[in-house]
Amino acid sequence: MLDKYGLKLAAERGITLRDIGDKILLENEFIRMWEVKLEPGETLGFHIHFHPYLVVSLSGGSNEIETIFGRKIATYEPAGSYVFINEMREVHQLTNKSTVTYLSRLIEMKSVTWTAS
């Protein structure tokens, strides 16, 4: 079996995947809205998304996504910017590379659920 999303690798390394945000602010049958808050240098540990999602940046800042396979992706999210992700991606973690607190809302669309198979 291929490990396209890194779930097997995470298990082999003994990594317990964490929630995709810090706390749920709103949830109903259609969406789940998370708060993501990272102080400078702080990392939101390895996780994976099983639903399409929208990220709205409230504070702006530079971050780095690191996949379970070691690939690093620099991001810059000005305050008020947004990105919609409509495909399953690898297990990853997010680190705040700015000198200011990063704050966003991550909104999952629960009508679609992805599987790793």
Protein backbone atom coordinates (compact mmCIF):
# COMPACT_ATOMS: atom_id res chain seq x y z
CA MET A 1 0.00 0.00 0.00
CA LEU A 2 1.27 3.44 -0.92
CA ASP A 3 1.47 6.02 1.85
CA LYS A 4 0.54 9.06 -0.24
CA TYR A 5 -0.66 11.09 2.75
CA GLY A 6 1.90 9.96 5.35
CA LEU A 7 -0.53 8.32 7.76
CA LYS A 8 1.49 5.09 7.88
CA LEU A 9 4.74 7.01 8.35
CA ALA A 10 3.25 9.01 11.22
CA ALA A 11 2.15 5.78 12.91
CA GLU A 12 5.59 4.22 12.38
CA ARG A 13 7.19 7.26 14.03
CA GLY A 14 4.77 7.06 16.96
CA ILE A 15 3.23 10.42 16.11
CA THR A 16 -0.28 10.95 17.43
CA LEU A 17 -2.04 13.33 15.06
CA ARG A 18 -3.56 16.32 16.79
CA ASP A 19 -6.65 18.41 16.13
CA ILE A 20 -6.42 20.82 13.21
CA GLY A 21 -7.00 23.83 15.43
CA ASP A 22 -6.88 25.01 19.01
CA LYS A 23 -10.59 25.08 19.74
CA ILE A 24 -13.91 24.69 17.97
CA LEU A 25 -15.79 27.99 17.85
CA LEU A 26 -18.87 26.77 15.96
CA GLU A 27 -20.11 23.41 14.75
CA ASN A 28 -23.30 22.29 13.09
CA GLU A 29 -24.22 19.67 10.51
CA PHE A 30 -22.62 21.70 7.71
CA ILE A 31 -19.40 23.23 9.07
CA ARG A 32 -16.87 23.12 11.88
CA MET A 33 -15.02 26.38 12.58
CA TRP A 34 -11.69 26.22 14.42
CA GLU A 35 -9.55 28.92 15.95
CA VAL A 36 -5.87 28.59 15.05
CA LYS A 37 -3.60 30.76 17.20
CA LEU A 38 0.20 30.49 17.15
CA GLU A 39 2.64 32.66 19.03
CA PRO A 40 5.93 33.51 17.25
CA GLY A 41 7.91 30.30 16.76
CA GLU A 42 5.04 28.09 17.97
CA THR A 43 4.06 24.97 16.01
CA LEU A 44 0.66 23.39 15.49
CA GLY A 45 1.73 19.74 15.50
CA PHE A 46 1.22 17.10 12.86
CA HIS A 47 -2.37 16.74 11.66
CA ILE A 48 -4.37 15.93 8.55
CA HIS A 49 -7.57 17.31 7.06
CA PHE A 50 -10.44 15.02 6.04
CA HIS A 51 -12.76 17.77 4.75
CA PRO A 52 -12.40 20.69 2.31
CA TYR A 53 -11.63 23.84 4.29
CA LEU A 54 -11.33 27.60 4.16
CA VAL A 55 -8.65 29.46 6.14
CA VAL A 56 -9.26 33.15 6.86
CA SER A 57 -6.27 35.05 8.26
CA LEU A 58 -7.23 37.53 10.97
CA SER A 59 -3.80 38.81 11.95
CA GLY A 60 -1.53 38.11 9.02
CA GLY A 61 1.92 36.65 9.10
CA SER A 62 4.44 34.25 7.66
CA ASN A 63 4.17 30.56 8.37
CA GLU A 64 5.86 27.36 7.30
CA ILE A 65 4.06 24.13 6.47
CA GLU A 66 6.23 21.05 6.95
CA THR A 67 4.93 17.74 5.64
CA ILE A 68 5.55 14.40 7.33
CA PHE A 69 7.91 13.68 4.41
CA GLY A 70 10.07 16.72 5.26
CA ARG A 71 8.93 19.06 2.49
CA LYS A 72 8.76 22.71 3.68
CA ILE A 73 6.41 25.28 2.18
CA ALA A 74 6.65 28.96 3.11
CA THR A 75 3.36 30.85 3.28
CA TYR A 76 2.45 34.48 3.74
CA GLU A 77 -1.07 35.36 4.79
CA PRO A 78 -1.86 39.08 4.98
CA ALA A 79 -4.67 39.99 7.40
CA GLY A 80 -8.00 39.41 5.67
CA SER A 81 -6.61 36.98 3.13
CA TYR A 82 -8.08 33.52 2.64
CA VAL A 83 -7.35 30.23 0.97
CA PHE A 84 -9.69 27.36 0.09
CA ILE A 85 -8.26 23.83 0.05
CA ASN A 86 -10.33 21.30 -1.89
CA GLU A 87 -8.05 18.28 -1.93
CA MET A 88 -6.62 15.94 0.67
CA ARG A 89 -3.00 16.73 1.49
CA GLU A 90 -0.19 15.05 3.38
CA VAL A 91 0.08 14.96 7.16
CA HIS A 92 1.71 18.28 8.07
CA GLN A 93 2.46 20.76 10.80
CA LEU A 94 2.32 24.57 10.79
CA THR A 95 4.91 26.88 12.38
CA ASN A 96 4.54 30.63 12.90
CA LYS A 97 7.67 32.21 11.41
CA SER A 98 6.57 35.79 12.20
CA THR A 99 7.37 38.03 15.13
CA VAL A 100 3.63 38.52 15.79
CA THR A 101 0.85 36.18 16.89
CA TYR A 102 -0.81 34.33 14.01
CA LEU A 103 -4.60 34.09 14.30
CA SER A 104 -6.99 32.53 11.80
CA ARG A 105 -10.31 30.80 11.40
CA LEU A 106 -10.29 27.41 9.70
CA ILE A 107 -13.72 26.35 8.46
CA GLU A 108 -14.23 22.72 7.47
CA MET A 109 -16.99 21.81 5.00
CA LYS A 110 -18.45 18.65 6.54
CA SER A 111 -20.55 17.69 3.49
CA VAL A 112 -17.44 16.07 1.94
CA THR A 113 -15.20 13.59 3.74
CA TRP A 114 -11.92 12.41 2.22
CA THR A 115 -10.36 9.02 2.83
CA ALA A 116 -6.72 8.03 2.52
CA SER A 117 -7.44 4.86 0.54
